[in-house]
Structures are given as C-alpha cells and as structure tokens.
Full PDB file with SEQRES, HELIX, SHEET, SSBOND, CRYST1, ORIGX, SCALE, CONECT and MASTER records, all heavy atoms in Angstrom:
SEQRES   1 A   34  PHE VAL TRP MET GLU ALA ASN PRO LEU LYS LEU PRO GLY          
SEQRES   2 A   34  GLY VAL HIS SER SER VAL TRP TYR ARG LEU ARG ALA THR          
SEQRES   3 A   34  ALA VAL GLY CYS ASN ILE ALA ALA                              
SHEET    1 AA1 2 THR A  26  VAL A  28  0                                        
SHEET    2 AA1 2 ASN A  31  ALA A  33 -1                                        
CRYST1    1.000    1.000    1.000  90.00  90.00  90.00 P 1           1          
ORIGX1      1.000000  0.000000  0.000000        0.00000                         
ORIGX2      0.000000  1.000000  0.000000        0.00000                         
ORIGX3      0.000000  0.000000  1.000000        0.00000                         
SCALE1      1.000000  0.000000  0.000000        0.00000                         
SCALE2      0.000000  1.000000  0.000000        0.00000                         
SCALE3      0.000000  0.000000  1.000000        0.00000                         
ATOM      1  N   PHE A   1     -15.946  -2.892  -9.029  1.00  0.00           N  
ATOM      2  CA  PHE A   1     -16.050  -3.229 -10.445  1.00  0.00           C  
ATOM      3  C   PHE A   1     -15.634  -2.038 -11.311  1.00  0.00           C  
ATOM      4  O   PHE A   1     -15.878  -2.018 -12.511  1.00  0.00           O  
ATOM      5  CB  PHE A   1     -17.454  -3.731 -10.791  1.00  0.00           C  
ATOM      6  CG  PHE A   1     -17.827  -4.952 -10.006  1.00  0.00           C  
ATOM      7  CD1 PHE A   1     -18.521  -4.845  -8.806  1.00  0.00           C  
ATOM      8  CD2 PHE A   1     -17.458  -6.213 -10.441  1.00  0.00           C  
ATOM      9  CE1 PHE A   1     -18.854  -5.964  -8.068  1.00  0.00           C  
ATOM     10  CE2 PHE A   1     -17.791  -7.341  -9.704  1.00  0.00           C  
ATOM     11  CZ  PHE A   1     -18.487  -7.223  -8.521  1.00  0.00           C  
ATOM     12  N   VAL A   2     -15.046  -1.043 -10.697  1.00  0.00           N  
ATOM     13  CA  VAL A   2     -14.321   0.042 -11.334  1.00  0.00           C  
ATOM     14  C   VAL A   2     -13.283   0.491 -10.310  1.00  0.00           C  
ATOM     15  O   VAL A   2     -13.541   0.491  -9.108  1.00  0.00           O  
ATOM     16  CB  VAL A   2     -15.261   1.204 -11.734  1.00  0.00           C  
ATOM     17  CG1 VAL A   2     -15.937   1.801 -10.518  1.00  0.00           C  
ATOM     18  CG2 VAL A   2     -14.496   2.275 -12.490  1.00  0.00           C  
ATOM     19  N   TRP A   3     -12.088   0.843 -10.753  1.00  0.00           N  
ATOM     20  CA  TRP A   3     -10.979   1.089  -9.836  1.00  0.00           C  
ATOM     21  C   TRP A   3     -10.921   2.551  -9.410  1.00  0.00           C  
ATOM     22  O   TRP A   3     -10.977   3.456 -10.225  1.00  0.00           O  
ATOM     23  CB  TRP A   3      -9.667   0.686 -10.487  1.00  0.00           C  
ATOM     24  CG  TRP A   3      -8.454   0.933  -9.642  1.00  0.00           C  
ATOM     25  CD1 TRP A   3      -7.425   1.753  -9.929  1.00  0.00           C  
ATOM     26  CD2 TRP A   3      -8.157   0.337  -8.376  1.00  0.00           C  
ATOM     27  NE1 TRP A   3      -6.485   1.720  -8.936  1.00  0.00           N  
ATOM     28  CE2 TRP A   3      -6.924   0.853  -7.951  1.00  0.00           C  
ATOM     29  CE3 TRP A   3      -8.820  -0.570  -7.551  1.00  0.00           C  
ATOM     30  CZ2 TRP A   3      -6.326   0.493  -6.744  1.00  0.00           C  
ATOM     31  CZ3 TRP A   3      -8.229  -0.938  -6.348  1.00  0.00           C  
ATOM     32  CH2 TRP A   3      -7.005  -0.413  -5.962  1.00  0.00           C  
ATOM     33  N   MET A   4     -10.815   2.761  -8.057  1.00  0.00           N  
ATOM     34  CA  MET A   4     -10.638   4.093  -7.482  1.00  0.00           C  
ATOM     35  C   MET A   4      -9.506   4.007  -6.475  1.00  0.00           C  
ATOM     36  O   MET A   4      -9.553   3.177  -5.553  1.00  0.00           O  
ATOM     37  CB  MET A   4     -11.927   4.557  -6.781  1.00  0.00           C  
ATOM     38  CG  MET A   4     -13.141   4.636  -7.688  1.00  0.00           C  
ATOM     39  SD  MET A   4     -14.666   4.970  -6.762  1.00  0.00           S  
ATOM     40  CE  MET A   4     -14.906   3.382  -5.943  1.00  0.00           C  
ATOM     41  N   GLU A   5      -8.474   4.842  -6.624  1.00  0.00           N  
ATOM     42  CA  GLU A   5      -7.339   4.758  -5.717  1.00  0.00           C  
ATOM     43  C   GLU A   5      -6.955   6.136  -5.187  1.00  0.00           C  
ATOM     44  O   GLU A   5      -7.264   7.166  -5.804  1.00  0.00           O  
ATOM     45  CB  GLU A   5      -6.130   4.122  -6.402  1.00  0.00           C  
ATOM     46  CG  GLU A   5      -5.461   4.988  -7.437  1.00  0.00           C  
ATOM     47  CD  GLU A   5      -4.212   4.331  -8.013  1.00  0.00           C  
ATOM     48  OE1 GLU A   5      -4.144   3.098  -8.024  1.00  0.00           O  
ATOM     49  OE2 GLU A   5      -3.316   5.067  -8.463  1.00  0.00           O  
ATOM     50  N   ALA A   6      -6.266   6.147  -4.048  1.00  0.00           N  
ATOM     51  CA  ALA A   6      -5.706   7.374  -3.498  1.00  0.00           C  
ATOM     52  C   ALA A   6      -4.397   7.693  -4.210  1.00  0.00           C  
ATOM     53  O   ALA A   6      -3.867   6.882  -4.987  1.00  0.00           O  
ATOM     54  CB  ALA A   6      -5.481   7.212  -2.005  1.00  0.00           C  
ATOM     55  N   ASN A   7      -3.868   8.889  -3.952  1.00  0.00           N  
ATOM     56  CA  ASN A   7      -2.578   9.232  -4.545  1.00  0.00           C  
ATOM     57  C   ASN A   7      -1.524   8.240  -4.078  1.00  0.00           C  
ATOM     58  O   ASN A   7      -1.350   8.027  -2.873  1.00  0.00           O  
ATOM     59  CB  ASN A   7      -2.172  10.652  -4.151  1.00  0.00           C  
ATOM     60  CG  ASN A   7      -3.085  11.696  -4.756  1.00  0.00           C  
ATOM     61  OD1 ASN A   7      -3.548  11.538  -5.882  1.00  0.00           O  
ATOM     62  ND2 ASN A   7      -3.358  12.764  -4.007  1.00  0.00           N  
ATOM     63  N   PRO A   8      -0.799   7.577  -4.976  1.00  0.00           N  
ATOM     64  CA  PRO A   8       0.197   6.580  -4.570  1.00  0.00           C  
ATOM     65  C   PRO A   8       1.367   7.231  -3.811  1.00  0.00           C  
ATOM     66  O   PRO A   8       1.658   8.415  -3.977  1.00  0.00           O  
ATOM     67  CB  PRO A   8       0.643   5.977  -5.899  1.00  0.00           C  
ATOM     68  CG  PRO A   8       0.329   7.000  -6.924  1.00  0.00           C  
ATOM     69  CD  PRO A   8      -0.866   7.745  -6.437  1.00  0.00           C  
ATOM     70  N   LEU A   9       2.040   6.446  -2.974  1.00  0.00           N  
ATOM     71  CA  LEU A   9       3.178   6.910  -2.178  1.00  0.00           C  
ATOM     72  C   LEU A   9       4.461   6.284  -2.714  1.00  0.00           C  
ATOM     73  O   LEU A   9       4.576   5.057  -2.796  1.00  0.00           O  
ATOM     74  CB  LEU A   9       2.986   6.521  -0.711  1.00  0.00           C  
ATOM     75  CG  LEU A   9       4.182   6.791   0.213  1.00  0.00           C  
ATOM     76  CD1 LEU A   9       4.373   8.290   0.380  1.00  0.00           C  
ATOM     77  CD2 LEU A   9       3.987   6.097   1.566  1.00  0.00           C  
ATOM     78  N   LYS A  10       5.416   7.133  -3.095  1.00  0.00           N  
ATOM     79  CA  LYS A  10       6.718   6.636  -3.541  1.00  0.00           C  
ATOM     80  C   LYS A  10       7.453   6.023  -2.346  1.00  0.00           C  
ATOM     81  O   LYS A  10       7.643   6.670  -1.313  1.00  0.00           O  
ATOM     82  CB  LYS A  10       7.554   7.770  -4.120  1.00  0.00           C  
ATOM     83  CG  LYS A  10       7.020   8.339  -5.431  1.00  0.00           C  
ATOM     84  CD  LYS A  10       7.299   7.388  -6.586  1.00  0.00           C  
ATOM     85  CE  LYS A  10       6.881   8.024  -7.922  1.00  0.00           C  
ATOM     86  NZ  LYS A  10       7.158   7.135  -9.058  1.00  0.00           N  
ATOM     87  N   LEU A  11       7.853   4.793  -2.490  1.00  0.00           N  
ATOM     88  CA  LEU A  11       8.554   4.115  -1.398  1.00  0.00           C  
ATOM     89  C   LEU A  11      10.047   4.423  -1.454  1.00  0.00           C  
ATOM     90  O   LEU A  11      10.643   4.452  -2.546  1.00  0.00           O  
ATOM     91  CB  LEU A  11       8.338   2.610  -1.481  1.00  0.00           C  
ATOM     92  CG  LEU A  11       6.926   2.122  -1.162  1.00  0.00           C  
ATOM     93  CD1 LEU A  11       6.826   0.618  -1.383  1.00  0.00           C  
ATOM     94  CD2 LEU A  11       6.541   2.464   0.270  1.00  0.00           C  
ATOM     95  N   PRO A  12      10.656   4.674  -0.332  1.00  0.00           N  
ATOM     96  CA  PRO A  12      12.109   4.911  -0.336  1.00  0.00           C  
ATOM     97  C   PRO A  12      12.853   3.669  -0.833  1.00  0.00           C  
ATOM     98  O   PRO A  12      12.603   2.563  -0.371  1.00  0.00           O  
ATOM     99  CB  PRO A  12      12.424   5.213   1.134  1.00  0.00           C  
ATOM    100  CG  PRO A  12      11.263   4.718   1.924  1.00  0.00           C  
ATOM    101  CD  PRO A  12      10.091   4.772   1.013  1.00  0.00           C  
ATOM    102  N   GLY A  13      13.739   3.879  -1.789  1.00  0.00           N  
ATOM    103  CA  GLY A  13      14.483   2.768  -2.369  1.00  0.00           C  
ATOM    104  C   GLY A  13      13.759   2.072  -3.494  1.00  0.00           C  
ATOM    105  O   GLY A  13      14.327   1.179  -4.150  1.00  0.00           O  
ATOM    106  N   GLY A  14      12.485   2.448  -3.750  1.00  0.00           N  
ATOM    107  CA  GLY A  14      11.751   1.837  -4.849  1.00  0.00           C  
ATOM    108  C   GLY A  14      11.256   0.444  -4.517  1.00  0.00           C  
ATOM    109  O   GLY A  14      11.321  -0.025  -3.379  1.00  0.00           O  
ATOM    110  N   VAL A  15      10.736  -0.250  -5.537  1.00  0.00           N  
ATOM    111  CA  VAL A  15      10.216  -1.613  -5.405  1.00  0.00           C  
ATOM    112  C   VAL A  15      10.905  -2.472  -6.452  1.00  0.00           C  
ATOM    113  O   VAL A  15      10.932  -2.113  -7.643  1.00  0.00           O  
ATOM    114  CB  VAL A  15       8.685  -1.665  -5.590  1.00  0.00           C  
ATOM    115  CG1 VAL A  15       8.179  -3.094  -5.471  1.00  0.00           C  
ATOM    116  CG2 VAL A  15       7.985  -0.774  -4.563  1.00  0.00           C  
ATOM    117  N   HIS A  16      11.426  -3.614  -6.024  1.00  0.00           N  
ATOM    118  CA  HIS A  16      12.200  -4.480  -6.931  1.00  0.00           C  
ATOM    119  C   HIS A  16      11.752  -5.924  -6.765  1.00  0.00           C  
ATOM    120  O   HIS A  16      11.218  -6.322  -5.725  1.00  0.00           O  
ATOM    121  CB  HIS A  16      13.695  -4.358  -6.631  1.00  0.00           C  
ATOM    122  CG  HIS A  16      14.179  -2.936  -6.600  1.00  0.00           C  
ATOM    123  ND1 HIS A  16      14.437  -2.209  -7.738  1.00  0.00           N  
ATOM    124  CD2 HIS A  16      14.426  -2.101  -5.536  1.00  0.00           C  
ATOM    125  CE1 HIS A  16      14.839  -0.990  -7.404  1.00  0.00           C  
ATOM    126  NE2 HIS A  16      14.846  -0.897  -6.063  1.00  0.00           N  
ATOM    127  N   SER A  17      11.980  -6.715  -7.777  1.00  0.00           N  
ATOM    128  CA  SER A  17      11.671  -8.137  -7.707  1.00  0.00           C  
ATOM    129  C   SER A  17      12.729  -8.842  -6.880  1.00  0.00           C  
ATOM    130  O   SER A  17      13.843  -8.331  -6.669  1.00  0.00           O  
ATOM    131  CB  SER A  17      11.612  -8.734  -9.121  1.00  0.00           C  
ATOM    132  OG  SER A  17      12.862  -8.586  -9.778  1.00  0.00           O  
ATOM    133  N   SER A  18      12.350 -10.021  -6.404  1.00  0.00           N  
ATOM    134  CA  SER A  18      13.241 -10.883  -5.599  1.00  0.00           C  
ATOM    135  C   SER A  18      13.632 -10.244  -4.273  1.00  0.00           C  
ATOM    136  O   SER A  18      14.643 -10.626  -3.666  1.00  0.00           O  
ATOM    137  CB  SER A  18      14.498 -11.273  -6.404  1.00  0.00           C  
ATOM    138  OG  SER A  18      14.133 -11.932  -7.597  1.00  0.00           O  
ATOM    139  N   VAL A  19      12.887  -9.261  -3.806  1.00  0.00           N  
ATOM    140  CA  VAL A  19      13.119  -8.609  -2.516  1.00  0.00           C  
ATOM    141  C   VAL A  19      11.868  -8.792  -1.662  1.00  0.00           C  
ATOM    142  O   VAL A  19      10.753  -8.589  -2.133  1.00  0.00           O  
ATOM    143  CB  VAL A  19      13.443  -7.106  -2.694  1.00  0.00           C  
ATOM    144  CG1 VAL A  19      13.596  -6.436  -1.321  1.00  0.00           C  
ATOM    145  CG2 VAL A  19      14.710  -6.920  -3.518  1.00  0.00           C  
ATOM    146  N   TRP A  20      12.077  -9.146  -0.396  1.00  0.00           N  
ATOM    147  CA  TRP A  20      10.943  -9.329   0.508  1.00  0.00           C  
ATOM    148  C   TRP A  20      10.530  -7.989   1.111  1.00  0.00           C  
ATOM    149  O   TRP A  20      11.372  -7.216   1.573  1.00  0.00           O  
ATOM    150  CB  TRP A  20      11.288 -10.305   1.633  1.00  0.00           C  
ATOM    151  CG  TRP A  20      11.295 -11.745   1.190  1.00  0.00           C  
ATOM    152  CD1 TRP A  20      12.376 -12.494   0.888  1.00  0.00           C  
ATOM    153  CD2 TRP A  20      10.150 -12.574   0.993  1.00  0.00           C  
ATOM    154  NE1 TRP A  20      12.025 -13.758   0.510  1.00  0.00           N  
ATOM    155  CE2 TRP A  20      10.630 -13.839   0.568  1.00  0.00           C  
ATOM    156  CE3 TRP A  20       8.778 -12.402   1.121  1.00  0.00           C  
ATOM    157  CZ2 TRP A  20       9.814 -14.918   0.286  1.00  0.00           C  
ATOM    158  CZ3 TRP A  20       7.954 -13.478   0.844  1.00  0.00           C  
ATOM    159  CH2 TRP A  20       8.444 -14.712   0.420  1.00  0.00           C  
ATOM    160  N   TYR A  21       9.185  -7.765   1.105  1.00  0.00           N  
ATOM    161  CA  TYR A  21       8.606  -6.562   1.717  1.00  0.00           C  
ATOM    162  C   TYR A  21       7.537  -7.013   2.716  1.00  0.00           C  
ATOM    163  O   TYR A  21       6.763  -7.921   2.429  1.00  0.00           O  
ATOM    164  CB  TYR A  21       7.955  -5.651   0.666  1.00  0.00           C  
ATOM    165  CG  TYR A  21       8.936  -5.100  -0.348  1.00  0.00           C  
ATOM    166  CD1 TYR A  21       9.265  -5.822  -1.496  1.00  0.00           C  
ATOM    167  CD2 TYR A  21       9.534  -3.861  -0.146  1.00  0.00           C  
ATOM    168  CE1 TYR A  21      10.160  -5.318  -2.418  1.00  0.00           C  
ATOM    169  CE2 TYR A  21      10.437  -3.346  -1.074  1.00  0.00           C  
ATOM    170  CZ  TYR A  21      10.739  -4.082  -2.211  1.00  0.00           C  
ATOM    171  OH  TYR A  21      11.641  -3.578  -3.122  1.00  0.00           O  
ATOM    172  N   ARG A  22       7.514  -6.353   3.878  1.00  0.00           N  
ATOM    173  CA  ARG A  22       6.488  -6.651   4.873  1.00  0.00           C  
ATOM    174  C   ARG A  22       5.370  -5.618   4.757  1.00  0.00           C  
ATOM    175  O   ARG A  22       5.615  -4.432   4.928  1.00  0.00           O  
ATOM    176  CB  ARG A  22       7.085  -6.656   6.269  1.00  0.00           C  
ATOM    177  CG  ARG A  22       6.068  -6.883   7.383  1.00  0.00           C  
ATOM    178  CD  ARG A  22       6.723  -7.426   8.632  1.00  0.00           C  
ATOM    179  NE  ARG A  22       7.280  -8.752   8.386  1.00  0.00           N  
ATOM    180  CZ  ARG A  22       8.172  -9.338   9.204  1.00  0.00           C  
ATOM    181  NH1 ARG A  22       8.613  -8.703  10.292  1.00  0.00           N  
ATOM    182  NH2 ARG A  22       8.640 -10.552   8.929  1.00  0.00           N  
ATOM    183  N   LEU A  23       4.192  -6.108   4.504  1.00  0.00           N  
ATOM    184  CA  LEU A  23       3.024  -5.238   4.321  1.00  0.00           C  
ATOM    185  C   LEU A  23       2.071  -5.461   5.473  1.00  0.00           C  
ATOM    186  O   LEU A  23       1.709  -6.596   5.799  1.00  0.00           O  
ATOM    187  CB  LEU A  23       2.344  -5.535   2.979  1.00  0.00           C  
ATOM    188  CG  LEU A  23       1.178  -4.637   2.544  1.00  0.00           C  
ATOM    189  CD1 LEU A  23       1.105  -4.589   1.028  1.00  0.00           C  
ATOM    190  CD2 LEU A  23      -0.163  -5.115   3.097  1.00  0.00           C  
ATOM    191  N   ARG A  24       1.630  -4.357   6.121  1.00  0.00           N  
ATOM    192  CA  ARG A  24       0.641  -4.398   7.186  1.00  0.00           C  
ATOM    193  C   ARG A  24      -0.468  -3.408   6.838  1.00  0.00           C  
ATOM    194  O   ARG A  24      -0.189  -2.272   6.454  1.00  0.00           O  
ATOM    195  CB  ARG A  24       1.258  -4.054   8.541  1.00  0.00           C  
ATOM    196  CG  ARG A  24       2.280  -5.064   9.025  1.00  0.00           C  
ATOM    197  CD  ARG A  24       2.834  -4.690  10.403  1.00  0.00           C  
ATOM    198  NE  ARG A  24       1.808  -4.889  11.452  1.00  0.00           N  
ATOM    199  CZ  ARG A  24       1.282  -3.914  12.167  1.00  0.00           C  
ATOM    200  NH1 ARG A  24       1.661  -2.650  11.954  1.00  0.00           N  
ATOM    201  NH2 ARG A  24       0.388  -4.168  13.120  1.00  0.00           N  
ATOM    202  N   ALA A  25      -1.712  -3.856   6.987  1.00  0.00           N  
ATOM    203  CA  ALA A  25      -2.862  -2.996   6.689  1.00  0.00           C  
ATOM    204  C   ALA A  25      -3.900  -3.167   7.781  1.00  0.00           C  
ATOM    205  O   ALA A  25      -4.273  -4.299   8.121  1.00  0.00           O  
ATOM    206  CB  ALA A  25      -3.460  -3.348   5.333  1.00  0.00           C  
ATOM    207  N   THR A  26      -4.345  -2.038   8.347  1.00  0.00           N  
ATOM    208  CA  THR A  26      -5.344  -2.034   9.414  1.00  0.00           C  
ATOM    209  C   THR A  26      -6.596  -1.319   8.920  1.00  0.00           C  
ATOM    210  O   THR A  26      -6.518  -0.183   8.438  1.00  0.00           O  
ATOM    211  CB  THR A  26      -4.810  -1.334  10.669  1.00  0.00           C  
ATOM    212  OG1 THR A  26      -3.678  -2.062  11.159  1.00  0.00           O  
ATOM    213  CG2 THR A  26      -5.874  -1.285  11.761  1.00  0.00           C  
ATOM    214  N   ALA A  27      -7.735  -1.978   9.050  1.00  0.00           N  
ATOM    215  CA  ALA A  27      -9.021  -1.396   8.652  1.00  0.00           C  
ATOM    216  C   ALA A  27      -9.910  -1.294   9.880  1.00  0.00           C  
ATOM    217  O   ALA A  27     -10.231  -2.316  10.517  1.00  0.00           O  
ATOM    218  CB  ALA A  27      -9.685  -2.256   7.584  1.00  0.00           C  
ATOM    219  N   VAL A  28     -10.287  -0.061  10.242  1.00  0.00           N  
ATOM    220  CA  VAL A  28     -11.160   0.198  11.382  1.00  0.00           C  
ATOM    221  C   VAL A  28     -12.222   1.193  10.927  1.00  0.00           C  
ATOM    222  O   VAL A  28     -11.885   2.327  10.537  1.00  0.00           O  
ATOM    223  CB  VAL A  28     -10.393   0.759  12.588  1.00  0.00           C  
ATOM    224  CG1 VAL A  28     -11.353   1.060  13.734  1.00  0.00           C  
ATOM    225  CG2 VAL A  28      -9.321  -0.222  13.042  1.00  0.00           C  
ATOM    226  N   GLY A  29     -13.479   0.807  10.983  1.00  0.00           N  
ATOM    227  CA  GLY A  29     -14.536   1.688  10.507  1.00  0.00           C  
ATOM    228  C   GLY A  29     -14.337   1.988   9.034  1.00  0.00           C  
ATOM    229  O   GLY A  29     -14.189   1.086   8.205  1.00  0.00           O  
ATOM    230  N   CYS A  30     -14.344   3.274   8.696  1.00  0.00           N  
ATOM    231  CA  CYS A  30     -14.125   3.682   7.309  1.00  0.00           C  
ATOM    232  C   CYS A  30     -12.699   4.175   7.090  1.00  0.00           C  
ATOM    233  O   CYS A  30     -12.442   4.971   6.183  1.00  0.00           O  
ATOM    234  CB  CYS A  30     -15.119   4.784   6.927  1.00  0.00           C  
ATOM    235  SG  CYS A  30     -16.838   4.202   6.813  1.00  0.00           S  
ATOM    236  N   ASN A  31     -11.764   3.719   7.894  1.00  0.00           N  
ATOM    237  CA  ASN A  31     -10.377   4.174   7.811  1.00  0.00           C  
ATOM    238  C   ASN A  31      -9.453   2.984   7.617  1.00  0.00           C  
ATOM    239  O   ASN A  31      -9.647   1.917   8.229  1.00  0.00           O  
ATOM    240  CB  ASN A  31      -9.985   4.929   9.082  1.00  0.00           C  
ATOM    241  CG  ASN A  31     -10.885   6.124   9.335  1.00  0.00           C  
ATOM    242  OD1 ASN A  31     -10.656   7.207   8.831  1.00  0.00           O  
ATOM    243  ND2 ASN A  31     -11.939   5.909  10.140  1.00  0.00           N  
ATOM    244  N   ILE A  32      -8.444   3.181   6.784  1.00  0.00           N  
ATOM    245  CA  ILE A  32      -7.424   2.166   6.531  1.00  0.00           C  
ATOM    246  C   ILE A  32      -6.064   2.845   6.647  1.00  0.00           C  
ATOM    247  O   ILE A  32      -5.840   3.919   6.069  1.00  0.00           O  
ATOM    248  CB  ILE A  32      -7.578   1.527   5.142  1.00  0.00           C  
ATOM    249  CG1 ILE A  32      -8.928   0.808   5.019  1.00  0.00           C  
ATOM    250  CG2 ILE A  32      -6.442   0.558   4.859  1.00  0.00           C  
ATOM    251  CD1 ILE A  32      -9.206   0.244   3.634  1.00  0.00           C  
ATOM    252  N   ALA A  33      -5.157   2.205   7.378  1.00  0.00           N  
ATOM    253  CA  ALA A  33      -3.759   2.650   7.453  1.00  0.00           C  
ATOM    254  C   ALA A  33      -2.879   1.467   7.094  1.00  0.00           C  
ATOM    255  O   ALA A  33      -3.189   0.308   7.428  1.00  0.00           O  
ATOM    256  CB  ALA A  33      -3.425   3.170   8.850  1.00  0.00           C  
ATOM    257  N   ALA A  34      -1.771   1.734   6.386  1.00  0.00           N  
ATOM    258  CA  ALA A  34      -0.920   0.650   5.907  1.00  0.00           C  
ATOM    259  C   ALA A  34       0.542   1.077   5.940  1.00  0.00           C  
ATOM    260  O   ALA A  34       0.866   2.273   5.862  1.00  0.00           O  
ATOM    261  CB  ALA A  34      -1.332   0.235   4.498  1.00  0.00           C  
TER     262      ALA A  34                                                      
MASTER        0    0    0    0    2    0    0    6  261    1    0    3          
END                                                                             
C-alpha cells in the first residue's frame, strides 16, 4: 500500500509498444530473480 522498488535495470534496446517481451520471474524464500 506504498511502493518500494529496487534500482531499475536499463534493458538493451529499450522498451517499445507492439513488441513482444518474454518475462520470467522466480521467487524462492525471500529472493526473486527475473
């Protein structure tokens, strides 16, 4: 109910509309990798 984020990562090539991106996120214990 309040936003807290890590330092964002610049993606190579940027992010654009009308382009498909595959997102994978793994959560184990108190760790998340994506």
